[in-house]
């Protein structure tokens, strides 16, 4: 999935990244898509990551902080 996200960033497809971030079942894909949005300068990705840093789930919290 990561290579697909990298491809979307390269194509500057913010809407597809936003869809992955908000609708994918896997939290890691959601965070990767949010990171892609941040790389494109899209504030929606930053806001999603900021919210993720408040998660009670240690794994989500750790990855969000790393990004």
C-alpha atoms as a PDB file:
ATOM      1  CA  UNK A   1       0.000   0.000   0.000  1.00  0.00           C
ATOM      2  CA  UNK A   2       2.882   2.345   0.742  1.00  0.00           C
ATOM      3  CA  UNK A   3       4.022   2.333  -2.899  1.00  0.00           C
ATOM      4  CA  UNK A   4       0.460   3.182  -3.979  1.00  0.00           C
ATOM      5  CA  UNK A   5       0.490   6.120  -1.581  1.00  0.00           C
ATOM      6  CA  UNK A   6       3.870   7.244  -2.913  1.00  0.00           C
ATOM      7  CA  UNK A   7       2.435   7.078  -6.432  1.00  0.00           C
ATOM      8  CA  UNK A   8      -0.534   9.211  -5.384  1.00  0.00           C
ATOM      9  CA  UNK A   9       1.836  11.776  -3.852  1.00  0.00           C
ATOM     10  CA  UNK A  10       3.884  11.818  -7.060  1.00  0.00           C
ATOM     11  CA  UNK A  11       0.672  12.406  -9.040  1.00  0.00           C
ATOM     12  CA  UNK A  12      -0.364  15.056  -6.498  1.00  0.00           C
ATOM     13  CA  UNK A  13      -3.719  13.272  -6.066  1.00  0.00           C
ATOM     14  CA  UNK A  14      -4.811  14.818  -2.771  1.00  0.00           C
ATOM     15  CA  UNK A  15      -8.410  13.649  -3.138  1.00  0.00           C
ATOM     16  CA  UNK A  16      -7.453   9.971  -3.470  1.00  0.00           C
ATOM     17  CA  UNK A  17      -5.131  10.343  -0.462  1.00  0.00           C
ATOM     18  CA  UNK A  18      -7.922  12.000   1.517  1.00  0.00           C
ATOM     19  CA  UNK A  19     -10.256   9.135   0.620  1.00  0.00           C
ATOM     20  CA  UNK A  20      -7.697   6.574   1.830  1.00  0.00           C
ATOM     21  CA  UNK A  21      -7.106   8.573   4.997  1.00  0.00           C
ATOM     22  CA  UNK A  22     -10.793   8.750   5.882  1.00  0.00           C
ATOM     23  CA  UNK A  23     -12.178   5.476   4.537  1.00  0.00           C
ATOM     24  CA  UNK A  24      -9.510   2.765   4.671  1.00  0.00           C
ATOM     25  CA  UNK A  25      -9.967   0.081   7.332  1.00  0.00           C
ATOM     26  CA  UNK A  26      -6.264  -0.070   8.243  1.00  0.00           C
ATOM     27  CA  UNK A  27      -5.029   2.655  10.577  1.00  0.00           C
ATOM     28  CA  UNK A  28      -1.488   2.437   9.201  1.00  0.00           C
ATOM     29  CA  UNK A  29      -2.788   3.164   5.689  1.00  0.00           C
ATOM     30  CA  UNK A  30      -4.760   6.092   7.072  1.00  0.00           C
ATOM     31  CA  UNK A  31      -1.633   7.531   8.686  1.00  0.00           C
ATOM     32  CA  UNK A  32       0.463   6.945   5.556  1.00  0.00           C
ATOM     33  CA  UNK A  33      -2.155   8.742   3.473  1.00  0.00           C
ATOM     34  CA  UNK A  34      -2.197  11.601   5.979  1.00  0.00           C
ATOM     35  CA  UNK A  35       1.583  11.838   5.683  1.00  0.00           C
ATOM     36  CA  UNK A  36       1.197  11.974   1.909  1.00  0.00           C
ATOM     37  CA  UNK A  37      -1.238  14.854   2.243  1.00  0.00           C
ATOM     38  CA  UNK A  38       1.223  16.692   4.480  1.00  0.00           C
ATOM     39  CA  UNK A  39       3.909  16.248   1.824  1.00  0.00           C
ATOM     40  CA  UNK A  40       1.532  17.933  -0.615  1.00  0.00           C
ATOM     41  CA  UNK A  41       0.931  20.782   1.813  1.00  0.00           C
ATOM     42  CA  UNK A  42      -2.660  19.714   2.484  1.00  0.00           C
ATOM     43  CA  UNK A  43      -3.709  20.759   5.971  1.00  0.00           C
ATOM     44  CA  UNK A  44      -6.230  17.904   6.245  1.00  0.00           C
ATOM     45  CA  UNK A  45      -3.344  15.450   6.621  1.00  0.00           C
ATOM     46  CA  UNK A  46      -1.728  17.536   9.346  1.00  0.00           C
ATOM     47  CA  UNK A  47      -5.003  17.791  11.263  1.00  0.00           C
ATOM     48  CA  UNK A  48      -5.545  14.030  11.002  1.00  0.00           C
ATOM     49  CA  UNK A  49      -2.038  13.345  12.329  1.00  0.00           C
ATOM     50  CA  UNK A  50      -2.516  15.837  15.140  1.00  0.00           C
ATOM     51  CA  UNK A  51      -5.692  14.030  16.179  1.00  0.00           C
ATOM     52  CA  UNK A  52      -3.874  10.681  15.964  1.00  0.00           C
ATOM     53  CA  UNK A  53      -1.256  11.914  18.455  1.00  0.00           C
ATOM     54  CA  UNK A  54      -4.054  12.000  21.031  1.00  0.00           C
ATOM     55  CA  UNK A  55      -4.926   8.334  20.515  1.00  0.00           C
ATOM     56  CA  UNK A  56      -5.104   5.926  23.435  1.00  0.00           C
ATOM     57  CA  UNK A  57      -3.673   3.192  21.204  1.00  0.00           C
ATOM     58  CA  UNK A  58       0.086   3.069  21.763  1.00  0.00           C
ATOM     59  CA  UNK A  59       0.883   1.815  18.259  1.00  0.00           C
ATOM     60  CA  UNK A  60      -1.123   4.572  16.571  1.00  0.00           C
ATOM     61  CA  UNK A  61       0.344   7.166  18.919  1.00  0.00           C
ATOM     62  CA  UNK A  62       3.912   6.024  18.230  1.00  0.00           C
ATOM     63  CA  UNK A  63       3.539   6.046  14.438  1.00  0.00           C
ATOM     64  CA  UNK A  64       1.737   9.408  14.420  1.00  0.00           C
ATOM     65  CA  UNK A  65       4.469  10.972  16.541  1.00  0.00           C
ATOM     66  CA  UNK A  66       7.150   9.472  14.292  1.00  0.00           C
ATOM     67  CA  UNK A  67       5.551  10.986  11.190  1.00  0.00           C
END
